[in-house]
Amino acid sequence: MKRSYNYNKNNPLFDYYLKKREENKGKRVDVWRIISNETGLPVQTVISVSRNQNTDDVKRMFLGTYFKIKDSIGIDMLSFKEVDYSKC
């Protein structure tokens, strides 16, 4: 049985995944593993971070994970496309 996961299309890491997948189209590579190698994080960590649904989920992420992603591939996980200004 194959699992299906829900990813937030506004998540910047998932957006990066989609771009990488497009770059490697037609090649038999695991894009999650490529991102894992770029960031130095385990594959499952990269996948779980890309499933974060909003900035509140990102705020619960380890600070080290946040900085590894930001420093290695330049993605700021706090920069979701949809900003909820009602909480400001």
PDB file of N, CA and C in Angstrom:
ATOM      1  N   MET A   1       0.845  -1.175   0.000  1.00  0.00           N
ATOM      2  CA  MET A   1       0.000   0.000   0.000  1.00  0.00           C
ATOM      3  C   MET A   1       0.894   1.243   0.000  1.00  0.00           C
ATOM      4  N   LYS A   2       0.606   2.138  -0.908  1.00  0.00           N
ATOM      5  CA  LYS A   2       1.406   3.349  -1.027  1.00  0.00           C
ATOM      6  C   LYS A   2       0.766   4.463  -0.214  1.00  0.00           C
ATOM      7  N   ARG A   3       1.588   5.165   0.544  1.00  0.00           N
ATOM      8  CA  ARG A   3       1.087   6.279   1.353  1.00  0.00           C
ATOM      9  C   ARG A   3       1.050   7.548   0.517  1.00  0.00           C
ATOM     10  N   SER A   4       0.104   8.386   0.822  1.00  0.00           N
ATOM     11  CA  SER A   4       0.102   9.703   0.193  1.00  0.00           C
ATOM     12  C   SER A   4       0.215  10.741   1.297  1.00  0.00           C
ATOM     13  N   TYR A   5       1.042  11.716   1.058  1.00  0.00           N
ATOM     14  CA  TYR A   5       1.298  12.748   2.048  1.00  0.00           C
ATOM     15  C   TYR A   5       0.783  14.078   1.543  1.00  0.00           C
ATOM     16  N   ASN A   6       0.401  14.913   2.472  1.00  0.00           N
ATOM     17  CA  ASN A   6      -0.049  16.255   2.122  1.00  0.00           C
ATOM     18  C   ASN A   6       1.091  17.227   2.355  1.00  0.00           C
ATOM     19  N   TYR A   7       1.418  17.951   1.306  1.00  0.00           N
ATOM     20  CA  TYR A   7       2.453  18.969   1.389  1.00  0.00           C
ATOM     21  C   TYR A   7       1.801  20.320   1.192  1.00  0.00           C
ATOM     22  N   ASN A   8       2.308  21.308   1.878  1.00  0.00           N
ATOM     23  CA  ASN A   8       1.801  22.666   1.733  1.00  0.00           C
ATOM     24  C   ASN A   8       2.472  23.287   0.518  1.00  0.00           C
ATOM     25  N   LYS A   9       1.690  23.687  -0.454  1.00  0.00           N
ATOM     26  CA  LYS A   9       2.243  24.268  -1.674  1.00  0.00           C
ATOM     27  C   LYS A   9       2.910  25.609  -1.416  1.00  0.00           C
ATOM     28  N   ASN A  10       2.611  26.237  -0.288  1.00  0.00           N
ATOM     29  CA  ASN A  10       3.236  27.511   0.070  1.00  0.00           C
ATOM     30  C   ASN A  10       4.526  27.336   0.856  1.00  0.00           C
ATOM     31  N   ASN A  11       4.852  26.109   1.223  1.00  0.00           N
ATOM     32  CA  ASN A  11       6.063  25.833   1.975  1.00  0.00           C
ATOM     33  C   ASN A  11       7.262  26.055   1.065  1.00  0.00           C
ATOM     34  N   PRO A  12       8.200  26.921   1.455  1.00  0.00           N
ATOM     35  CA  PRO A  12       9.340  27.212   0.576  1.00  0.00           C
ATOM     36  C   PRO A  12      10.224  26.000   0.296  1.00  0.00           C
ATOM     37  N   LEU A  13      10.328  25.082   1.236  1.00  0.00           N
ATOM     38  CA  LEU A  13      11.149  23.889   1.001  1.00  0.00           C
ATOM     39  C   LEU A  13      10.472  22.962  -0.012  1.00  0.00           C
ATOM     40  N   PHE A  14       9.158  22.847   0.051  1.00  0.00           N
ATOM     41  CA  PHE A  14       8.447  22.036  -0.933  1.00  0.00           C
ATOM     42  C   PHE A  14       8.533  22.683  -2.312  1.00  0.00           C
ATOM     43  N   ASP A  15       8.503  24.005  -2.366  1.00  0.00           N
ATOM     44  CA  ASP A  15       8.673  24.723  -3.628  1.00  0.00           C
ATOM     45  C   ASP A  15      10.060  24.436  -4.210  1.00  0.00           C
ATOM     46  N   TYR A  16      11.072  24.403  -3.357  1.00  0.00           N
ATOM     47  CA  TYR A  16      12.437  24.061  -3.779  1.00  0.00           C
ATOM     48  C   TYR A  16      12.475  22.627  -4.304  1.00  0.00           C
ATOM     49  N   TYR A  17      11.777  21.723  -3.636  1.00  0.00           N
ATOM     50  CA  TYR A  17      11.690  20.328  -4.077  1.00  0.00           C
ATOM     51  C   TYR A  17      11.102  20.251  -5.484  1.00  0.00           C
ATOM     52  N   LEU A  18      10.011  20.989  -5.730  1.00  0.00           N
ATOM     53  CA  LEU A  18       9.383  20.961  -7.049  1.00  0.00           C
ATOM     54  C   LEU A  18      10.323  21.481  -8.135  1.00  0.00           C
ATOM     55  N   LYS A  19      11.102  22.513  -7.823  1.00  0.00           N
ATOM     56  CA  LYS A  19      12.080  23.037  -8.786  1.00  0.00           C
ATOM     57  C   LYS A  19      13.171  22.013  -9.061  1.00  0.00           C
ATOM     58  N   LYS A  20      13.652  21.364  -8.017  1.00  0.00           N
ATOM     59  CA  LYS A  20      14.684  20.333  -8.181  1.00  0.00           C
ATOM     60  C   LYS A  20      14.143  19.148  -8.986  1.00  0.00           C
ATOM     61  N   ARG A  21      12.899  18.797  -8.741  1.00  0.00           N
ATOM     62  CA  ARG A  21      12.283  17.691  -9.474  1.00  0.00           C
ATOM     63  C   ARG A  21      12.196  18.025 -10.960  1.00  0.00           C
ATOM     64  N   GLU A  22      11.859  19.272 -11.269  1.00  0.00           N
ATOM     65  CA  GLU A  22      11.784  19.714 -12.660  1.00  0.00           C
ATOM     66  C   GLU A  22      13.168  19.703 -13.311  1.00  0.00           C
ATOM     67  N   GLU A  23      14.201  20.130 -12.562  1.00  0.00           N
ATOM     68  CA  GLU A  23      15.571  20.115 -13.078  1.00  0.00           C
ATOM     69  C   GLU A  23      16.038  18.700 -13.404  1.00  0.00           C
ATOM     70  N   ASN A  24      15.609  17.734 -12.615  1.00  0.00           N
ATOM     71  CA  ASN A  24      16.055  16.345 -12.763  1.00  0.00           C
ATOM     72  C   ASN A  24      15.029  15.472 -13.469  1.00  0.00           C
ATOM     73  N   LYS A  25      14.142  16.088 -14.202  1.00  0.00           N
ATOM     74  CA  LYS A  25      13.093  15.345 -14.904  1.00  0.00           C
ATOM     75  C   LYS A  25      13.733  14.383 -15.908  1.00  0.00           C
ATOM     76  N   GLY A  26      13.263  13.171 -15.922  1.00  0.00           N
ATOM     77  CA  GLY A  26      13.780  12.164 -16.824  1.00  0.00           C
ATOM     78  C   GLY A  26      14.963  11.391 -16.271  1.00  0.00           C
ATOM     79  N   LYS A  27      15.530  11.849 -15.174  1.00  0.00           N
ATOM     80  CA  LYS A  27      16.625  11.135 -14.526  1.00  0.00           C
ATOM     81  C   LYS A  27      16.041  10.288 -13.411  1.00  0.00           C
ATOM     82  N   ARG A  28      16.660   9.202 -13.150  1.00  0.00           N
ATOM     83  CA  ARG A  28      16.176   8.313 -12.095  1.00  0.00           C
ATOM     84  C   ARG A  28      16.902   8.631 -10.793  1.00  0.00           C
ATOM     85  N   VAL A  29      16.530   9.763 -10.190  1.00  0.00           N
ATOM     86  CA  VAL A  29      17.175  10.183  -8.945  1.00  0.00           C
ATOM     87  C   VAL A  29      16.101  10.466  -7.903  1.00  0.00           C
ATOM     88  N   ASP A  30      16.493  10.351  -6.656  1.00  0.00           N
ATOM     89  CA  ASP A  30      15.616  10.680  -5.538  1.00  0.00           C
ATOM     90  C   ASP A  30      15.900  12.125  -5.134  1.00  0.00           C
ATOM     91  N   VAL A  31      14.967  13.009  -5.436  1.00  0.00           N
ATOM     92  CA  VAL A  31      15.165  14.432  -5.184  1.00  0.00           C
ATOM     93  C   VAL A  31      15.276  14.708  -3.689  1.00  0.00           C
ATOM     94  N   TRP A  32      14.543  13.970  -2.858  1.00  0.00           N
ATOM     95  CA  TRP A  32      14.654  14.166  -1.411  1.00  0.00           C
ATOM     96  C   TRP A  32      16.082  13.875  -0.953  1.00  0.00           C
ATOM     97  N   ARG A  33      16.707  12.870  -1.540  1.00  0.00           N
ATOM     98  CA  ARG A  33      18.082  12.529  -1.172  1.00  0.00           C
ATOM     99  C   ARG A  33      19.052  13.622  -1.628  1.00  0.00           C
ATOM    100  N   ILE A  34      18.797  14.223  -2.778  1.00  0.00           N
ATOM    101  CA  ILE A  34      19.635  15.327  -3.248  1.00  0.00           C
ATOM    102  C   ILE A  34      19.560  16.492  -2.263  1.00  0.00           C
ATOM    103  N   ILE A  35      18.347  16.841  -1.854  1.00  0.00           N
ATOM    104  CA  ILE A  35      18.170  17.941  -0.902  1.00  0.00           C
ATOM    105  C   ILE A  35      18.804  17.582   0.441  1.00  0.00           C
ATOM    106  N   SER A  36      18.681  16.331   0.830  1.00  0.00           N
ATOM    107  CA  SER A  36      19.303  15.867   2.071  1.00  0.00           C
ATOM    108  C   SER A  36      20.821  16.037   2.015  1.00  0.00           C
ATOM    109  N   ASN A  37      21.420  15.682   0.902  1.00  0.00           N
ATOM    110  CA  ASN A  37      22.875  15.838   0.750  1.00  0.00           C
ATOM    111  C   ASN A  37      23.276  17.307   0.738  1.00  0.00           C
ATOM    112  N   GLU A  38      22.460  18.157   0.132  1.00  0.00           N
ATOM    113  CA  GLU A  38      22.770  19.584   0.086  1.00  0.00           C
ATOM    114  C   GLU A  38      22.703  20.228   1.470  1.00  0.00           C
ATOM    115  N   THR A  39      21.737  19.795   2.276  1.00  0.00           N
ATOM    116  CA  THR A  39      21.541  20.415   3.585  1.00  0.00           C
ATOM    117  C   THR A  39      22.325  19.726   4.697  1.00  0.00           C
ATOM    118  N   GLY A  40      22.663  18.466   4.516  1.00  0.00           N
ATOM    119  CA  GLY A  40      23.331  17.719   5.565  1.00  0.00           C
ATOM    120  C   GLY A  40      22.369  17.173   6.606  1.00  0.00           C
ATOM    121  N   LEU A  41      21.089  17.176   6.278  1.00  0.00           N
ATOM    122  CA  LEU A  41      20.056  16.662   7.178  1.00  0.00           C
ATOM    123  C   LEU A  41      19.599  15.290   6.704  1.00  0.00           C
ATOM    124  N   PRO A  42      19.086  14.457   7.608  1.00  0.00           N
ATOM    125  CA  PRO A  42      18.522  13.179   7.182  1.00  0.00           C
ATOM    126  C   PRO A  42      17.331  13.388   6.236  1.00  0.00           C
ATOM    127  N   VAL A  43      17.130  12.427   5.348  1.00  0.00           N
ATOM    128  CA  VAL A  43      16.047  12.524   4.354  1.00  0.00           C
ATOM    129  C   VAL A  43      14.698  12.713   5.038  1.00  0.00           C
ATOM    130  N   GLN A  44      14.430  11.936   6.078  1.00  0.00           N
ATOM    131  CA  GLN A  44      13.130  12.024   6.741  1.00  0.00           C
ATOM    132  C   GLN A  44      12.911  13.391   7.376  1.00  0.00           C
ATOM    133  N   THR A  45      13.964  14.015   7.863  1.00  0.00           N
ATOM    134  CA  THR A  45      13.839  15.358   8.434  1.00  0.00           C
ATOM    135  C   THR A  45      13.456  16.358   7.352  1.00  0.00           C
ATOM    136  N   VAL A  46      14.095  16.262   6.196  1.00  0.00           N
ATOM    137  CA  VAL A  46      13.786  17.161   5.086  1.00  0.00           C
ATOM    138  C   VAL A  46      12.337  16.986   4.644  1.00  0.00           C
ATOM    139  N   ILE A  47      11.887  15.753   4.556  1.00  0.00           N
ATOM    140  CA  ILE A  47      10.507  15.484   4.149  1.00  0.00           C
ATOM    141  C   ILE A  47       9.535  16.026   5.182  1.00  0.00           C
ATOM    142  N   SER A  48       9.809  15.803   6.457  1.00  0.00           N
ATOM    143  CA  SER A  48       8.870  16.258   7.489  1.00  0.00           C
ATOM    144  C   SER A  48       8.819  17.779   7.568  1.00  0.00           C
ATOM    145  N   VAL A  49       9.945  18.452   7.346  1.00  0.00           N
ATOM    146  CA  VAL A  49       9.940  19.913   7.349  1.00  0.00           C
ATOM    147  C   VAL A  49       9.133  20.439   6.166  1.00  0.00           C
ATOM    148  N   SER A  50       9.196  19.751   5.045  1.00  0.00           N
ATOM    149  CA  SER A  50       8.441  20.210   3.876  1.00  0.00           C
ATOM    150  C   SER A  50       6.940  19.994   4.046  1.00  0.00           C
ATOM    151  N   ARG A  51       6.555  19.191   5.015  1.00  0.00           N
ATOM    152  CA  ARG A  51       5.123  19.000   5.301  1.00  0.00           C
ATOM    153  C   ARG A  51       4.570  20.035   6.260  1.00  0.00           C
ATOM    154  N   ASN A  52       5.426  20.880   6.839  1.00  0.00           N
ATOM    155  CA  ASN A  52       4.940  21.913   7.757  1.00  0.00           C
ATOM    156  C   ASN A  52       3.910  22.779   7.058  1.00  0.00           C
ATOM    157  N   GLN A  53       2.825  23.025   7.736  1.00  0.00           N
ATOM    158  CA  GLN A  53       1.691  23.689   7.116  1.00  0.00           C
ATOM    159  C   GLN A  53       1.698  25.208   7.253  1.00  0.00           C
ATOM    160  N   ASN A  54       2.399  25.742   8.240  1.00  0.00           N
ATOM    161  CA  ASN A  54       2.411  27.196   8.431  1.00  0.00           C
ATOM    162  C   ASN A  54       3.626  27.594   9.263  1.00  0.00           C
ATOM    163  N   THR A  55       3.754  28.873   9.520  1.00  0.00           N
ATOM    164  CA  THR A  55       4.919  29.334  10.267  1.00  0.00           C
ATOM    165  C   THR A  55       4.903  28.873  11.718  1.00  0.00           C
ATOM    166  N   ASP A  56       3.730  28.577  12.274  1.00  0.00           N
ATOM    167  CA  ASP A  56       3.686  28.051  13.644  1.00  0.00           C
ATOM    168  C   ASP A  56       4.369  26.689  13.722  1.00  0.00           C
ATOM    169  N   ASP A  57       4.176  25.863  12.693  1.00  0.00           N
ATOM    170  CA  ASP A  57       4.856  24.569  12.652  1.00  0.00           C
ATOM    171  C   ASP A  57       6.366  24.755  12.543  1.00  0.00           C
ATOM    172  N   VAL A  58       6.788  25.736  11.754  1.00  0.00           N
ATOM    173  CA  VAL A  58       8.214  25.997  11.579  1.00  0.00           C
ATOM    174  C   VAL A  58       8.826  26.487  12.886  1.00  0.00           C
ATOM    175  N   LYS A  59       8.068  27.255  13.655  1.00  0.00           N
ATOM    176  CA  LYS A  59       8.590  27.773  14.922  1.00  0.00           C
ATOM    177  C   LYS A  59       8.883  26.656  15.917  1.00  0.00           C
ATOM    178  N   ARG A  60       8.260  25.496  15.737  1.00  0.00           N
ATOM    179  CA  ARG A  60       8.522  24.351  16.616  1.00  0.00           C
ATOM    180  C   ARG A  60       9.700  23.508  16.138  1.00  0.00           C
ATOM    181  N   MET A  61      10.249  23.852  14.988  1.00  0.00           N
ATOM    182  CA  MET A  61      11.383  23.121  14.436  1.00  0.00           C
ATOM    183  C   MET A  61      12.641  23.472  15.242  1.00  0.00           C
ATOM    184  N   PHE A  62      13.582  22.540  15.299  1.00  0.00           N
ATOM    185  CA  PHE A  62      14.849  22.817  15.971  1.00  0.00           C
ATOM    186  C   PHE A  62      15.560  23.967  15.278  1.00  0.00           C
ATOM    187  N   LEU A  63      16.197  24.801  16.052  1.00  0.00           N
ATOM    188  CA  LEU A  63      16.910  25.949  15.515  1.00  0.00           C
ATOM    189  C   LEU A  63      18.055  25.507  14.603  1.00  0.00           C
ATOM    190  N   GLY A  64      18.707  24.427  14.969  1.00  0.00           N
ATOM    191  CA  GLY A  64      19.797  23.902  14.148  1.00  0.00           C
ATOM    192  C   GLY A  64      19.325  23.461  12.777  1.00  0.00           C
ATOM    193  N   THR A  65      18.148  22.850  12.722  1.00  0.00           N
ATOM    194  CA  THR A  65      17.568  22.429  11.445  1.00  0.00           C
ATOM    195  C   THR A  65      17.253  23.641  10.584  1.00  0.00           C
ATOM    196  N   TYR A  66      16.673  24.658  11.205  1.00  0.00           N
ATOM    197  CA  TYR A  66      16.341  25.888  10.487  1.00  0.00           C
ATOM    198  C   TYR A  66      17.593  26.501   9.862  1.00  0.00           C
ATOM    199  N   PHE A  67      18.662  26.611  10.649  1.00  0.00           N
ATOM    200  CA  PHE A  67      19.875  27.242  10.145  1.00  0.00           C
ATOM    201  C   PHE A  67      20.605  26.376   9.119  1.00  0.00           C
ATOM    202  N   LYS A  68      20.541  25.060   9.257  1.00  0.00           N
ATOM    203  CA  LYS A  68      21.167  24.198   8.250  1.00  0.00           C
ATOM    204  C   LYS A  68      20.493  24.398   6.896  1.00  0.00           C
ATOM    205  N   ILE A  69      19.178  24.491   6.900  1.00  0.00           N
ATOM    206  CA  ILE A  69      18.447  24.711   5.643  1.00  0.00           C
ATOM    207  C   ILE A  69      18.768  26.091   5.089  1.00  0.00           C
ATOM    208  N   LYS A  70      18.736  27.092   5.951  1.00  0.00           N
ATOM    209  CA  LYS A  70      18.969  28.475   5.511  1.00  0.00           C
ATOM    210  C   LYS A  70      20.400  28.669   5.013  1.00  0.00           C
ATOM    211  N   ASP A  71      21.371  28.136   5.721  1.00  0.00           N
ATOM    212  CA  ASP A  71      22.771  28.338   5.350  1.00  0.00           C
ATOM    213  C   ASP A  71      23.202  27.507   4.140  1.00  0.00           C
ATOM    214  N   SER A  72      22.623  26.319   3.976  1.00  0.00           N
ATOM    215  CA  SER A  72      23.088  25.447   2.894  1.00  0.00           C
ATOM    216  C   SER A  72      22.409  25.736   1.553  1.00  0.00           C
ATOM    217  N   ILE A  73      21.097  25.877   1.541  1.00  0.00           N
ATOM    218  CA  ILE A  73      20.406  26.085   0.265  1.00  0.00           C
ATOM    219  C   ILE A  73      19.722  27.438   0.194  1.00  0.00           C
ATOM    220  N   GLY A  74      19.825  28.229   1.253  1.00  0.00           N
ATOM    221  CA  GLY A  74      19.336  29.599   1.217  1.00  0.00           C
ATOM    222  C   GLY A  74      17.840  29.778   1.337  1.00  0.00           C
ATOM    223  N   ILE A  75      17.162  28.807   1.910  1.00  0.00           N
ATOM    224  CA  ILE A  75      15.710  28.908   2.054  1.00  0.00           C
ATOM    225  C   ILE A  75      15.376  29.308   3.481  1.00  0.00           C
ATOM    226  N   ASP A  76      14.654  30.401   3.608  1.00  0.00           N
ATOM    227  CA  ASP A  76      14.191  30.866   4.913  1.00  0.00           C
ATOM    228  C   ASP A  76      12.813  30.257   5.144  1.00  0.00           C
ATOM    229  N   MET A  77      12.744  29.329   6.069  1.00  0.00           N
ATOM    230  CA  MET A  77      11.488  28.610   6.299  1.00  0.00           C
ATOM    231  C   MET A  77      10.400  29.499   6.881  1.00  0.00           C
ATOM    232  N   LEU A  78      10.734  30.672   7.345  1.00  0.00           N
ATOM    233  CA  LEU A  78       9.718  31.589   7.869  1.00  0.00           C
ATOM    234  C   LEU A  78       9.100  32.443   6.765  1.00  0.00           C
ATOM    235  N   SER A  79       9.491  32.214   5.517  1.00  0.00           N
ATOM    236  CA  SER A  79       9.005  33.037   4.415  1.00  0.00           C
ATOM    237  C   SER A  79       7.913  32.329   3.617  1.00  0.00           C
ATOM    238  N   PHE A  80       6.871  31.898   4.285  1.00  0.00           N
ATOM    239  CA  PHE A  80       5.735  31.313   3.582  1.00  0.00           C
ATOM    240  C   PHE A  80       5.095  32.386   2.713  1.00  0.00           C
ATOM    241  N   LYS A  81       4.550  32.004   1.569  1.00  0.00           N
ATOM    242  CA  LYS A  81       3.968  32.966   0.634  1.00  0.00           C
ATOM    243  C   LYS A  81       2.729  33.638   1.199  1.00  0.00           C
ATOM    244  N   GLU A  82       1.918  32.899   1.907  1.00  0.00           N
ATOM    245  CA  GLU A  82       0.711  33.476   2.489  1.00  0.00           C
ATOM    246  C   GLU A  82       1.011  33.926   3.919  1.00  0.00           C
ATOM    247  N   VAL A  83       0.859  35.182   4.158  1.00  0.00           N
ATOM    248  CA  VAL A  83       1.117  35.738   5.487  1.00  0.00           C
ATOM    249  C   VAL A  83      -0.216  36.069   6.137  1.00  0.00           C
ATOM    250  N   ASP A  84      -0.411  35.598   7.349  1.00  0.00           N
ATOM    251  CA  ASP A  84      -1.632  35.863   8.076  1.00  0.00           C
ATOM    252  C   ASP A  84      -1.389  37.077   8.980  1.00  0.00           C
ATOM    253  N   TYR A  85      -1.862  38.241   8.530  1.00  0.00           N
ATOM    254  CA  TYR A  85      -1.626  39.468   9.280  1.00  0.00           C
ATOM    255  C   TYR A  85      -2.585  39.623  10.459  1.00  0.00           C
ATOM    256  N   SER A  86      -3.557  38.740  10.594  1.00  0.00           N
ATOM    257  CA  SER A  86      -4.497  38.856  11.710  1.00  0.00           C
ATOM    258  C   SER A  86      -3.824  38.549  13.049  1.00  0.00           C
ATOM    259  N   LYS A  87      -2.704  37.818  13.005  1.00  0.00           N
ATOM    260  CA  LYS A  87      -2.004  37.469  14.241  1.00  0.00           C
ATOM    261  C   LYS A  87      -1.005  38.540  14.655  1.00  0.00           C
ATOM    262  N   CYS A  88      -0.806  39.540  13.828  1.00  0.00           N
ATOM    263  CA  CYS A  88       0.171  40.603  14.125  1.00  0.00           C
ATOM    264  C   CYS A  88      -0.388  41.614  15.104  1.00  0.00           C
TER     265      CYS A  88
END
